[in-house]
Amino acid sequence: MAQEEIDSNQWVERYGDQMYRYTLVRVRDASAAEDIVQSALIAGLQAQESFAGRSSEKSWLFGILKHKIMDHFREIKKTGAFDPLPEDAPDPGDYDATGHWRNHPRDWNIDPEKAAENQQLSAALAHCLDGLSDRFRRIFVLKEIEGLSSDEICNEFNIQPTNLWVMLHRARNQLRQCLEGQWLKK
């Protein structure tokens, strides 16, 4: 198999917008997203000689970008901007005192594959993600979108697995409520 030739002169034109949007969804800060993409592109330039061609140029750059995003989250953790949720914090969800649903989730009655291609659902999900607190959003994105393991997330944010699952549970409930209110009404 011939090694793919990379052309760093075309990176910004080919991948810049995609990298920016990808990063913005994860960090929710336009200035930070720009800095992270720039840092990833610089790292790619510095490491382009080591590109082995085992993946596409785009995949390789996005791999670097993912590491830069994690570096961003590590920096937030160091500066104390990420405050883990106390495990005994009350759940603001729709549960009664016995732990049962007050309002049961609706049956969406949709095909998940078709839903994944639905532009209106994608826009509603982006809107609902923006409504989550920073900590819930970061944890949800890393777990459900990036596919990081629970152990990796717990190590990154210095939280216990039970704390992680509580945050994920609450984030999912908030997203469900938002999507039912925003998207399913249409």
C-alpha atoms as a PDB file:
ATOM      1  CA  MET A   1       0.000   0.000   0.000  1.00  0.00           C
ATOM      2  CA  ALA A   2       1.456   3.358  -1.013  1.00  0.00           C
ATOM      3  CA  GLN A   3       1.754   5.964   1.700  1.00  0.00           C
ATOM      4  CA  GLU A   4      -0.712   8.810   1.259  1.00  0.00           C
ATOM      5  CA  GLU A   5       0.928  12.113   0.403  1.00  0.00           C
ATOM      6  CA  ILE A   6      -0.107  14.945   2.695  1.00  0.00           C
ATOM      7  CA  ASP A   7      -0.406  18.533   1.601  1.00  0.00           C
ATOM      8  CA  SER A   8      -0.283  20.842   4.615  1.00  0.00           C
ATOM      9  CA  ASN A   9      -0.762  23.878   2.379  1.00  0.00           C
ATOM     10  CA  GLN A  10      -4.384  22.795   1.833  1.00  0.00           C
ATOM     11  CA  TRP A  11      -5.310  21.867   5.425  1.00  0.00           C
ATOM     12  CA  VAL A  12      -7.058  25.099   6.347  1.00  0.00           C
ATOM     13  CA  GLU A  13      -9.063  25.132   3.120  1.00  0.00           C
ATOM     14  CA  ARG A  14      -9.935  21.423   3.239  1.00  0.00           C
ATOM     15  CA  TYR A  15     -10.501  20.860   6.933  1.00  0.00           C
ATOM     16  CA  GLY A  16     -10.482  24.186   8.773  1.00  0.00           C
ATOM     17  CA  ASP A  17     -14.247  24.721   8.940  1.00  0.00           C
ATOM     18  CA  GLN A  18     -14.946  21.092   9.861  1.00  0.00           C
ATOM     19  CA  MET A  19     -12.302  21.146  12.572  1.00  0.00           C
ATOM     20  CA  TYR A  20     -13.676  24.395  13.966  1.00  0.00           C
ATOM     21  CA  ARG A  21     -17.290  23.158  14.051  1.00  0.00           C
ATOM     22  CA  TYR A  22     -16.192  19.845  15.558  1.00  0.00           C
ATOM     23  CA  THR A  23     -14.273  21.667  18.291  1.00  0.00           C
ATOM     24  CA  LEU A  24     -16.948  24.280  18.944  1.00  0.00           C
ATOM     25  CA  VAL A  25     -19.541  21.575  19.614  1.00  0.00           C
ATOM     26  CA  ARG A  26     -17.215  20.103  22.223  1.00  0.00           C
ATOM     27  CA  VAL A  27     -15.831  23.179  24.002  1.00  0.00           C
ATOM     28  CA  ARG A  28     -18.687  25.669  23.417  1.00  0.00           C
ATOM     29  CA  ASP A  29     -16.359  28.648  23.326  1.00  0.00           C
ATOM     30  CA  ALA A  30     -15.609  30.208  19.921  1.00  0.00           C
ATOM     31  CA  SER A  31     -12.291  31.722  20.971  1.00  0.00           C
ATOM     32  CA  ALA A  32     -11.102  28.500  22.619  1.00  0.00           C
ATOM     33  CA  ALA A  33     -12.224  26.505  19.555  1.00  0.00           C
ATOM     34  CA  GLU A  34     -10.162  28.740  17.264  1.00  0.00           C
ATOM     35  CA  ASP A  35      -7.111  28.381  19.523  1.00  0.00           C
ATOM     36  CA  ILE A  36      -7.482  24.603  19.725  1.00  0.00           C
ATOM     37  CA  VAL A  37      -7.804  24.210  15.949  1.00  0.00           C
ATOM     38  CA  GLN A  38      -4.799  26.451  15.412  1.00  0.00           C
ATOM     39  CA  SER A  39      -2.820  24.430  17.950  1.00  0.00           C
ATOM     40  CA  ALA A  40      -3.819  21.174  16.236  1.00  0.00           C
ATOM     41  CA  LEU A  41      -2.788  22.485  12.822  1.00  0.00           C
ATOM     42  CA  ILE A  42       0.566  23.644  14.177  1.00  0.00           C
ATOM     43  CA  ALA A  43       1.093  20.253  15.837  1.00  0.00           C
ATOM     44  CA  GLY A  44       0.235  18.602  12.521  1.00  0.00           C
ATOM     45  CA  LEU A  45       2.778  20.759  10.717  1.00  0.00           C
ATOM     46  CA  GLN A  46       5.432  19.889  13.262  1.00  0.00           C
ATOM     47  CA  ALA A  47       4.644  16.175  13.021  1.00  0.00           C
ATOM     48  CA  GLN A  48       3.907  15.846   9.302  1.00  0.00           C
ATOM     49  CA  GLU A  49       7.162  13.982   8.692  1.00  0.00           C
ATOM     50  CA  SER A  50       5.961  11.264  11.077  1.00  0.00           C
ATOM     51  CA  PHE A  51       2.661  10.737   9.201  1.00  0.00           C
ATOM     52  CA  ALA A  52       2.763   7.021   8.443  1.00  0.00           C
ATOM     53  CA  GLY A  53      -0.234   6.855   6.119  1.00  0.00           C
ATOM     54  CA  ARG A  54      -2.095   4.260   8.239  1.00  0.00           C
ATOM     55  CA  SER A  55      -5.132   6.555   8.068  1.00  0.00           C
ATOM     56  CA  SER A  56      -6.287   9.369   5.855  1.00  0.00           C
ATOM     57  CA  GLU A  57      -4.800  12.814   6.249  1.00  0.00           C
ATOM     58  CA  LYS A  58      -8.130  14.042   7.620  1.00  0.00           C
ATOM     59  CA  SER A  59      -8.374  11.244  10.205  1.00  0.00           C
ATOM     60  CA  TRP A  60      -4.813  11.912  11.292  1.00  0.00           C
ATOM     61  CA  LEU A  61      -5.497  15.639  11.750  1.00  0.00           C
ATOM     62  CA  PHE A  62      -8.722  14.976  13.646  1.00  0.00           C
ATOM     63  CA  GLY A  63      -6.814  12.565  15.897  1.00  0.00           C
ATOM     64  CA  ILE A  64      -4.435  15.401  16.748  1.00  0.00           C
ATOM     65  CA  LEU A  65      -7.426  17.705  17.256  1.00  0.00           C
ATOM     66  CA  LYS A  66      -9.048  15.272  19.710  1.00  0.00           C
ATOM     67  CA  HIS A  67      -5.852  15.267  21.779  1.00  0.00           C
ATOM     68  CA  LYS A  68      -5.789  19.073  21.773  1.00  0.00           C
ATOM     69  CA  ILE A  69      -9.408  19.155  22.947  1.00  0.00           C
ATOM     70  CA  MET A  70      -8.510  16.813  25.815  1.00  0.00           C
ATOM     71  CA  ASP A  71      -5.546  19.075  26.639  1.00  0.00           C
ATOM     72  CA  HIS A  72      -8.032  21.954  26.824  1.00  0.00           C
ATOM     73  CA  PHE A  73     -10.199  20.012  29.293  1.00  0.00           C
ATOM     74  CA  ARG A  74      -7.103  19.109  31.340  1.00  0.00           C
ATOM     75  CA  GLU A  75      -6.199  22.798  31.540  1.00  0.00           C
ATOM     76  CA  ILE A  76      -9.715  23.631  32.716  1.00  0.00           C
ATOM     77  CA  LYS A  77      -9.378  20.948  35.372  1.00  0.00           C
ATOM     78  CA  LYS A  78      -6.018  22.383  36.524  1.00  0.00           C
ATOM     79  CA  THR A  79      -7.400  25.883  36.850  1.00  0.00           C
ATOM     80  CA  GLY A  80     -10.341  24.623  38.880  1.00  0.00           C
ATOM     81  CA  ALA A  81     -12.971  25.674  36.354  1.00  0.00           C
ATOM     82  CA  PHE A  82     -14.473  22.169  36.443  1.00  0.00           C
ATOM     83  CA  ASP A  83     -16.349  21.590  39.656  1.00  0.00           C
ATOM     84  CA  PRO A  84     -17.541  18.007  40.087  1.00  0.00           C
ATOM     85  CA  LEU A  85     -21.123  17.548  41.160  1.00  0.00           C
ATOM     86  CA  PRO A  86     -21.413  16.438  44.797  1.00  0.00           C
ATOM     87  CA  GLU A  87     -22.680  12.863  44.823  1.00  0.00           C
ATOM     88  CA  ASP A  88     -25.371  13.703  47.345  1.00  0.00           C
ATOM     89  CA  ALA A  89     -26.670  16.735  45.420  1.00  0.00           C
ATOM     90  CA  PRO A  90     -30.426  16.588  44.914  1.00  0.00           C
ATOM     91  CA  ASP A  91     -31.648  15.513  41.488  1.00  0.00           C
ATOM     92  CA  PRO A  92     -33.792  18.225  39.913  1.00  0.00           C
ATOM     93  CA  GLY A  93     -35.363  15.613  37.607  1.00  0.00           C
ATOM     94  CA  ASP A  94     -38.973  14.596  37.197  1.00  0.00           C
ATOM     95  CA  TYR A  95     -39.090  12.013  40.000  1.00  0.00           C
ATOM     96  CA  ASP A  96     -41.312  11.731  43.016  1.00  0.00           C
ATOM     97  CA  ALA A  97     -40.087  10.963  46.556  1.00  0.00           C
ATOM     98  CA  THR A  98     -40.141   7.221  45.821  1.00  0.00           C
ATOM     99  CA  GLY A  99     -37.866   7.615  42.774  1.00  0.00           C
ATOM    100  CA  HIS A 100     -40.589   6.992  40.179  1.00  0.00           C
ATOM    101  CA  TRP A 101     -41.253   9.206  37.168  1.00  0.00           C
ATOM    102  CA  ARG A 102     -43.697  12.055  37.659  1.00  0.00           C
ATOM    103  CA  ASN A 103     -43.954  12.453  33.886  1.00  0.00           C
ATOM    104  CA  HIS A 104     -43.024   9.332  31.947  1.00  0.00           C
ATOM    105  CA  PRO A 105     -40.813   9.804  28.863  1.00  0.00           C
ATOM    106  CA  ARG A 106     -42.767   9.889  25.622  1.00  0.00           C
ATOM    107  CA  ASP A 107     -42.462   7.160  23.021  1.00  0.00           C
ATOM    108  CA  TRP A 108     -40.797   8.976  20.136  1.00  0.00           C
ATOM    109  CA  ASN A 109     -41.828   6.286  17.657  1.00  0.00           C
ATOM    110  CA  ILE A 110     -38.981   7.059  15.247  1.00  0.00           C
ATOM    111  CA  ASP A 111     -36.376   5.021  13.405  1.00  0.00           C
ATOM    112  CA  PRO A 112     -32.964   5.844  14.966  1.00  0.00           C
ATOM    113  CA  GLU A 113     -31.156   5.625  11.608  1.00  0.00           C
ATOM    114  CA  LYS A 114     -33.565   8.081   9.984  1.00  0.00           C
ATOM    115  CA  ALA A 115     -33.422  10.323  13.057  1.00  0.00           C
ATOM    116  CA  ALA A 116     -29.613  10.492  12.797  1.00  0.00           C
ATOM    117  CA  GLU A 117     -29.963  11.952   9.299  1.00  0.00           C
ATOM    118  CA  ASN A 118     -32.673  14.442  10.281  1.00  0.00           C
ATOM    119  CA  GLN A 119     -31.344  18.017  10.062  1.00  0.00           C
ATOM    120  CA  GLN A 120     -34.096  19.406  12.321  1.00  0.00           C
ATOM    121  CA  LEU A 121     -33.252  16.862  15.010  1.00  0.00           C
ATOM    122  CA  SER A 122     -29.547  17.699  14.695  1.00  0.00           C
ATOM    123  CA  ALA A 123     -30.295  21.404  15.124  1.00  0.00           C
ATOM    124  CA  ALA A 124     -32.588  20.701  18.096  1.00  0.00           C
ATOM    125  CA  LEU A 125     -29.931  18.489  19.702  1.00  0.00           C
ATOM    126  CA  ALA A 126     -27.282  21.196  19.266  1.00  0.00           C
ATOM    127  CA  HIS A 127     -29.665  23.717  20.839  1.00  0.00           C
ATOM    128  CA  CYS A 128     -30.418  21.362  23.736  1.00  0.00           C
ATOM    129  CA  LEU A 129     -26.719  20.596  24.285  1.00  0.00           C
ATOM    130  CA  ASP A 130     -26.118  24.341  24.571  1.00  0.00           C
ATOM    131  CA  GLY A 131     -28.709  24.410  27.352  1.00  0.00           C
ATOM    132  CA  LEU A 132     -26.770  21.969  29.535  1.00  0.00           C
ATOM    133  CA  SER A 133     -24.390  23.216  32.193  1.00  0.00           C
ATOM    134  CA  ASP A 134     -20.748  23.175  31.110  1.00  0.00           C
ATOM    135  CA  ARG A 135     -19.905  20.176  33.273  1.00  0.00           C
ATOM    136  CA  PHE A 136     -22.887  18.121  32.069  1.00  0.00           C
ATOM    137  CA  ARG A 137     -22.184  19.051  28.459  1.00  0.00           C
ATOM    138  CA  ARG A 138     -18.483  18.179  28.624  1.00  0.00           C
ATOM    139  CA  ILE A 139     -19.132  14.852  30.302  1.00  0.00           C
ATOM    140  CA  PHE A 140     -21.970  13.968  27.896  1.00  0.00           C
ATOM    141  CA  VAL A 141     -19.958  14.897  24.788  1.00  0.00           C
ATOM    142  CA  LEU A 142     -16.894  12.951  25.907  1.00  0.00           C
ATOM    143  CA  LYS A 143     -18.915   9.849  26.782  1.00  0.00           C
ATOM    144  CA  GLU A 144     -21.629   9.766  24.128  1.00  0.00           C
ATOM    145  CA  ILE A 145     -20.094  11.604  21.171  1.00  0.00           C
ATOM    146  CA  GLU A 146     -16.365  11.014  21.593  1.00  0.00           C
ATOM    147  CA  GLY A 147     -16.835   7.515  22.980  1.00  0.00           C
ATOM    148  CA  LEU A 148     -14.352   7.844  25.841  1.00  0.00           C
ATOM    149  CA  SER A 149     -14.575   5.145  28.478  1.00  0.00           C
ATOM    150  CA  SER A 150     -15.931   5.891  31.921  1.00  0.00           C
ATOM    151  CA  ASP A 151     -12.479   5.261  33.408  1.00  0.00           C
ATOM    152  CA  GLU A 152     -10.877   7.795  31.058  1.00  0.00           C
ATOM    153  CA  ILE A 153     -13.452  10.445  31.919  1.00  0.00           C
ATOM    154  CA  CYS A 154     -13.209   9.768  35.653  1.00  0.00           C
ATOM    155  CA  ASN A 155      -9.418  10.048  35.473  1.00  0.00           C
ATOM    156  CA  GLU A 156      -9.532  13.240  33.395  1.00  0.00           C
ATOM    157  CA  PHE A 157     -11.917  15.022  35.739  1.00  0.00           C
ATOM    158  CA  ASN A 158     -10.918  13.318  38.986  1.00  0.00           C
ATOM    159  CA  ILE A 159     -14.443  12.118  39.726  1.00  0.00           C
ATOM    160  CA  GLN A 160     -15.846   8.830  40.982  1.00  0.00           C
ATOM    161  CA  PRO A 161     -17.755   6.509  38.619  1.00  0.00           C
ATOM    162  CA  THR A 162     -20.956   7.020  40.600  1.00  0.00           C
ATOM    163  CA  ASN A 163     -20.589  10.786  40.185  1.00  0.00           C
ATOM    164  CA  LEU A 164     -20.065  10.314  36.440  1.00  0.00           C
ATOM    165  CA  TRP A 165     -23.188   8.202  36.081  1.00  0.00           C
ATOM    166  CA  VAL A 166     -25.271  10.678  38.071  1.00  0.00           C
ATOM    167  CA  MET A 167     -24.109  13.502  35.784  1.00  0.00           C
ATOM    168  CA  LEU A 168     -24.756  11.447  32.645  1.00  0.00           C
ATOM    169  CA  HIS A 169     -28.197  10.470  33.908  1.00  0.00           C
ATOM    170  CA  ARG A 170     -29.102  14.081  34.604  1.00  0.00           C
ATOM    171  CA  ALA A 171     -27.687  15.293  31.295  1.00  0.00           C
ATOM    172  CA  ARG A 172     -29.679  12.663  29.391  1.00  0.00           C
ATOM    173  CA  ASN A 173     -32.861  13.602  31.250  1.00  0.00           C
ATOM    174  CA  GLN A 174     -32.360  17.288  30.513  1.00  0.00           C
ATOM    175  CA  LEU A 175     -31.683  16.519  26.849  1.00  0.00           C
ATOM    176  CA  ARG A 176     -34.759  14.284  26.659  1.00  0.00           C
ATOM    177  CA  GLN A 177     -36.963  16.998  28.166  1.00  0.00           C
ATOM    178  CA  CYS A 178     -35.537  19.647  25.873  1.00  0.00           C
ATOM    179  CA  LEU A 179     -35.870  17.496  22.755  1.00  0.00           C
ATOM    180  CA  GLU A 180     -39.424  16.530  23.637  1.00  0.00           C
ATOM    181  CA  GLY A 181     -40.213  20.218  24.042  1.00  0.00           C
ATOM    182  CA  GLN A 182     -38.292  21.468  20.989  1.00  0.00           C
ATOM    183  CA  TRP A 183     -38.260  18.795  18.337  1.00  0.00           C
ATOM    184  CA  LEU A 184     -41.180  16.454  18.975  1.00  0.00           C
ATOM    185  CA  LYS A 185     -43.637  19.352  18.945  1.00  0.00           C
ATOM    186  CA  LYS A 186     -42.883  19.944  15.258  1.00  0.00           C
END
